[in-house]
Each structure stands twice: as C-alpha cells, then as structure tokens.
C-alpha cells in the first residue's frame, strides 16, 4: 500500500469516529477550523478538541447502552468501537502522514467526510434523544 493510500485510509477511518462526535455534539466549528488550517499546529489543535469530545461521546453512548440494556446492539457496539480506535488511528495518521507534502489535503478529506451523517451517527443520535 502506498503512503498516499495509507494517509487516505486513516483520514477515512478517523472520519468514521468523528462523524459520530460532530453529529452528537454539533461540533462543526472545530471541523471548519481544521478545514481552513494552513499549518499543522492548527490541525493538531482541532484534533485535540475532537479527542476530548470523542471521550465525552464514548462515555455518553456507553452509559445509555448500559442503562437501556443495549450492550448487544450492533450499531451501538460499532459506534463504541470506532470511538475506541480514535487514539490509535489518530496516532498512526500523524506518524505516517504529518510529514507528507499533501497532509493538509488529507485533513480536508477527513473534515469533508466528518460533516455528513452516516447510519451509525443517525441511529446513536436518535437513541440519545429519546
């Protein structure tokens, strides 16, 4: 797999988790800041903010799953898994892609994918809003 393919893969995988966070926390402002970033430090600030929200959303989903006896719900488990993988995927994205001349392009791909809801984020939002 080429370096470009690896960077694209990590941008896509990170977006699977951030989509849940963005939809539940309405954190479009963080995504907007990241998409306009012209240097890596602004991007890292955005990832730092998202990491805090990933933890909050993970705890919210885990709490509702245990309170409503949804521990075996496939979509809940998929969401929790995506959020649990955030740290590892973010670390790999930074390690493998931050020095790539197209890093900010991969960040823009990540931010573009993070904005749109998917079936998991929509389902989780529905459950949390009950």
C-alpha atoms as a PDB file:
ATOM      1  CA  UNK A   1       0.000   0.000   0.000  1.00  0.00           C
ATOM      2  CA  UNK A   2       1.443   3.375  -0.985  1.00  0.00           C
ATOM      3  CA  UNK A   3       1.995   6.196   1.502  1.00  0.00           C
ATOM      4  CA  UNK A   4      -0.856   8.112  -0.155  1.00  0.00           C
ATOM      5  CA  UNK A   5      -3.212   5.156   0.205  1.00  0.00           C
ATOM      6  CA  UNK A   6      -2.282   4.844   3.886  1.00  0.00           C
ATOM      7  CA  UNK A   7      -2.979   8.532   4.505  1.00  0.00           C
ATOM      8  CA  UNK A   8      -6.321   8.340   2.716  1.00  0.00           C
ATOM      9  CA  UNK A   9      -7.270   5.224   4.689  1.00  0.00           C
ATOM     10  CA  UNK A  10      -6.514   6.918   8.015  1.00  0.00           C
ATOM     11  CA  UNK A  11      -8.399  10.073   7.013  1.00  0.00           C
ATOM     12  CA  UNK A  12     -11.425   7.907   6.190  1.00  0.00           C
ATOM     13  CA  UNK A  13     -11.206   5.772   9.339  1.00  0.00           C
ATOM     14  CA  UNK A  14     -10.824   8.819  11.585  1.00  0.00           C
ATOM     15  CA  UNK A  15     -13.868  10.365   9.929  1.00  0.00           C
ATOM     16  CA  UNK A  16     -15.964   7.322  10.845  1.00  0.00           C
ATOM     17  CA  UNK A  17     -15.467   8.213  14.510  1.00  0.00           C
ATOM     18  CA  UNK A  18     -15.586  11.977  14.163  1.00  0.00           C
ATOM     19  CA  UNK A  19     -18.882  11.826  12.262  1.00  0.00           C
ATOM     20  CA  UNK A  20     -20.496  10.449  15.402  1.00  0.00           C
ATOM     21  CA  UNK A  21     -18.952  13.214  17.504  1.00  0.00           C
ATOM     22  CA  UNK A  22     -19.807  16.002  15.080  1.00  0.00           C
ATOM     23  CA  UNK A  23     -23.422  14.877  14.771  1.00  0.00           C
ATOM     24  CA  UNK A  24     -23.979  14.439  18.502  1.00  0.00           C
ATOM     25  CA  UNK A  25     -22.057  17.462  19.736  1.00  0.00           C
ATOM     26  CA  UNK A  26     -22.753  19.782  16.796  1.00  0.00           C
ATOM     27  CA  UNK A  27     -19.010  20.476  16.663  1.00  0.00           C
ATOM     28  CA  UNK A  28     -18.978  21.827  13.124  1.00  0.00           C
ATOM     29  CA  UNK A  29     -16.899  24.808  14.257  1.00  0.00           C
ATOM     30  CA  UNK A  30     -13.942  22.544  15.057  1.00  0.00           C
ATOM     31  CA  UNK A  31     -14.225  20.836  11.681  1.00  0.00           C
ATOM     32  CA  UNK A  32     -14.467  24.213   9.927  1.00  0.00           C
ATOM     33  CA  UNK A  33     -11.320  25.463  11.686  1.00  0.00           C
ATOM     34  CA  UNK A  34      -9.457  22.320  10.688  1.00  0.00           C
ATOM     35  CA  UNK A  35     -10.576  22.522   7.058  1.00  0.00           C
ATOM     36  CA  UNK A  36      -9.268  26.090   6.808  1.00  0.00           C
ATOM     37  CA  UNK A  37      -5.977  25.363   8.581  1.00  0.00           C
ATOM     38  CA  UNK A  38      -2.836  26.319   6.735  1.00  0.00           C
ATOM     39  CA  UNK A  39      -0.376  24.815   9.193  1.00  0.00           C
ATOM     40  CA  UNK A  40      -0.090  21.599  11.137  1.00  0.00           C
ATOM     41  CA  UNK A  41      -0.420  23.256  14.571  1.00  0.00           C
ATOM     42  CA  UNK A  42      -3.972  24.417  13.819  1.00  0.00           C
ATOM     43  CA  UNK A  43      -4.819  20.909  12.674  1.00  0.00           C
ATOM     44  CA  UNK A  44      -3.372  19.437  15.856  1.00  0.00           C
ATOM     45  CA  UNK A  45      -5.411  21.906  17.937  1.00  0.00           C
ATOM     46  CA  UNK A  46      -8.527  20.649  16.167  1.00  0.00           C
ATOM     47  CA  UNK A  47      -7.628  17.012  16.740  1.00  0.00           C
ATOM     48  CA  UNK A  48      -7.017  17.834  20.406  1.00  0.00           C
ATOM     49  CA  UNK A  49     -10.512  19.339  20.718  1.00  0.00           C
ATOM     50  CA  UNK A  50     -12.066  16.399  18.902  1.00  0.00           C
ATOM     51  CA  UNK A  51     -10.220  13.928  21.144  1.00  0.00           C
ATOM     52  CA  UNK A  52     -11.852  15.450  24.212  1.00  0.00           C
ATOM     53  CA  UNK A  53     -15.256  15.167  22.556  1.00  0.00           C
ATOM     54  CA  UNK A  54     -14.558  11.575  21.498  1.00  0.00           C
ATOM     55  CA  UNK A  55     -14.088  10.706  25.179  1.00  0.00           C
ATOM     56  CA  UNK A  56     -17.291  12.503  26.179  1.00  0.00           C
ATOM     57  CA  UNK A  57     -19.362  10.899  23.425  1.00  0.00           C
ATOM     58  CA  UNK A  58     -17.912   7.459  24.133  1.00  0.00           C
ATOM     59  CA  UNK A  59     -18.954   7.795  27.794  1.00  0.00           C
ATOM     60  CA  UNK A  60     -22.415   9.061  26.820  1.00  0.00           C
ATOM     61  CA  UNK A  61     -23.009   6.130  24.483  1.00  0.00           C
ATOM     62  CA  UNK A  62     -21.613   3.579  26.943  1.00  0.00           C
ATOM     63  CA  UNK A  63     -23.864   4.967  29.689  1.00  0.00           C
ATOM     64  CA  UNK A  64     -27.008   4.864  27.578  1.00  0.00           C
ATOM     65  CA  UNK A  65     -26.143   1.364  26.346  1.00  0.00           C
ATOM     66  CA  UNK A  66     -25.853   0.035  29.876  1.00  0.00           C
ATOM     67  CA  UNK A  67     -28.873   1.949  31.197  1.00  0.00           C
ATOM     68  CA  UNK A  68     -31.139   0.811  28.373  1.00  0.00           C
ATOM     69  CA  UNK A  69     -29.733  -2.705  28.117  1.00  0.00           C
ATOM     70  CA  UNK A  70     -28.340  -2.116  24.616  1.00  0.00           C
ATOM     71  CA  UNK A  71     -24.919  -3.734  25.128  1.00  0.00           C
ATOM     72  CA  UNK A  72     -25.635  -6.253  22.330  1.00  0.00           C
ATOM     73  CA  UNK A  73     -26.912  -3.685  19.841  1.00  0.00           C
ATOM     74  CA  UNK A  74     -24.678  -3.943  16.748  1.00  0.00           C
ATOM     75  CA  UNK A  75     -24.823  -0.245  15.863  1.00  0.00           C
ATOM     76  CA  UNK A  76     -24.047   0.824  19.429  1.00  0.00           C
ATOM     77  CA  UNK A  77     -21.096  -1.562  19.525  1.00  0.00           C
ATOM     78  CA  UNK A  78     -19.864  -0.353  16.148  1.00  0.00           C
ATOM     79  CA  UNK A  79     -20.001   3.253  17.356  1.00  0.00           C
ATOM     80  CA  UNK A  80     -18.161   2.416  20.572  1.00  0.00           C
ATOM     81  CA  UNK A  81     -15.527   0.506  18.606  1.00  0.00           C
ATOM     82  CA  UNK A  82     -14.996   3.436  16.210  1.00  0.00           C
ATOM     83  CA  UNK A  83     -14.541   5.794  19.152  1.00  0.00           C
ATOM     84  CA  UNK A  84     -12.209   3.417  20.998  1.00  0.00           C
ATOM     85  CA  UNK A  85      -9.983   3.204  17.928  1.00  0.00           C
ATOM     86  CA  UNK A  86      -9.689   7.009  17.677  1.00  0.00           C
ATOM     87  CA  UNK A  87      -6.445   7.278  19.642  1.00  0.00           C
ATOM     88  CA  UNK A  88      -4.649   4.532  17.738  1.00  0.00           C
ATOM     89  CA  UNK A  89      -5.856   5.766  14.350  1.00  0.00           C
ATOM     90  CA  UNK A  90      -5.007   9.374  15.109  1.00  0.00           C
ATOM     91  CA  UNK A  91      -1.534   8.383  16.245  1.00  0.00           C
ATOM     92  CA  UNK A  92      -0.989   6.358  13.077  1.00  0.00           C
ATOM     93  CA  UNK A  93      -2.342   9.163  10.886  1.00  0.00           C
ATOM     94  CA  UNK A  94       0.056  11.647  12.430  1.00  0.00           C
ATOM     95  CA  UNK A  95       3.003   9.255  12.379  1.00  0.00           C
ATOM     96  CA  UNK A  96       2.500   8.182   8.777  1.00  0.00           C
ATOM     97  CA  UNK A  97       1.149  11.340   7.183  1.00  0.00           C
ATOM     98  CA  UNK A  98       2.133  14.531   9.008  1.00  0.00           C
ATOM     99  CA  UNK A  99       5.346  14.938   7.022  1.00  0.00           C
ATOM    100  CA  UNK A 100       3.606  14.213   3.725  1.00  0.00           C
ATOM    101  CA  UNK A 101       3.501  17.295   1.490  1.00  0.00           C
ATOM    102  CA  UNK A 102      -0.222  16.651   0.994  1.00  0.00           C
ATOM    103  CA  UNK A 103      -1.051  16.346   4.693  1.00  0.00           C
ATOM    104  CA  UNK A 104      -3.448  19.299   4.655  1.00  0.00           C
ATOM    105  CA  UNK A 105      -5.252  17.734   1.688  1.00  0.00           C
ATOM    106  CA  UNK A 106      -5.806  14.585   3.740  1.00  0.00           C
ATOM    107  CA  UNK A 107      -7.074  16.746   6.588  1.00  0.00           C
ATOM    108  CA  UNK A 108      -9.559  18.335   4.181  1.00  0.00           C
ATOM    109  CA  UNK A 109     -10.720  14.876   3.120  1.00  0.00           C
ATOM    110  CA  UNK A 110     -11.131  13.984   6.803  1.00  0.00           C
ATOM    111  CA  UNK A 111     -13.113  17.150   7.517  1.00  0.00           C
ATOM    112  CA  UNK A 112     -15.327  16.707   4.456  1.00  0.00           C
ATOM    113  CA  UNK A 113     -16.205  13.174   5.491  1.00  0.00           C
ATOM    114  CA  UNK A 114     -16.738  14.196   9.122  1.00  0.00           C
ATOM    115  CA  UNK A 115     -19.562  16.608   8.397  1.00  0.00           C
ATOM    116  CA  UNK A 116     -22.061  14.277   6.782  1.00  0.00           C
ATOM    117  CA  UNK A 117     -24.064  11.935   8.996  1.00  0.00           C
ATOM    118  CA  UNK A 118     -23.957   8.214   8.432  1.00  0.00           C
ATOM    119  CA  UNK A 119     -26.367   5.497   9.525  1.00  0.00           C
ATOM    120  CA  UNK A 120     -24.474   4.889  12.785  1.00  0.00           C
ATOM    121  CA  UNK A 121     -24.361   8.541  13.881  1.00  0.00           C
ATOM    122  CA  UNK A 122     -28.021   8.998  12.944  1.00  0.00           C
ATOM    123  CA  UNK A 123     -29.022   5.907  14.941  1.00  0.00           C
ATOM    124  CA  UNK A 124     -26.996   6.958  18.005  1.00  0.00           C
ATOM    125  CA  UNK A 125     -28.430  10.465  17.872  1.00  0.00           C
ATOM    126  CA  UNK A 126     -31.946   9.028  17.795  1.00  0.00           C
ATOM    127  CA  UNK A 127     -31.273   6.833  20.844  1.00  0.00           C
ATOM    128  CA  UNK A 128     -29.639   9.601  22.849  1.00  0.00           C
ATOM    129  CA  UNK A 129     -32.522  11.975  22.119  1.00  0.00           C
ATOM    130  CA  UNK A 130     -35.182   9.596  23.462  1.00  0.00           C
END
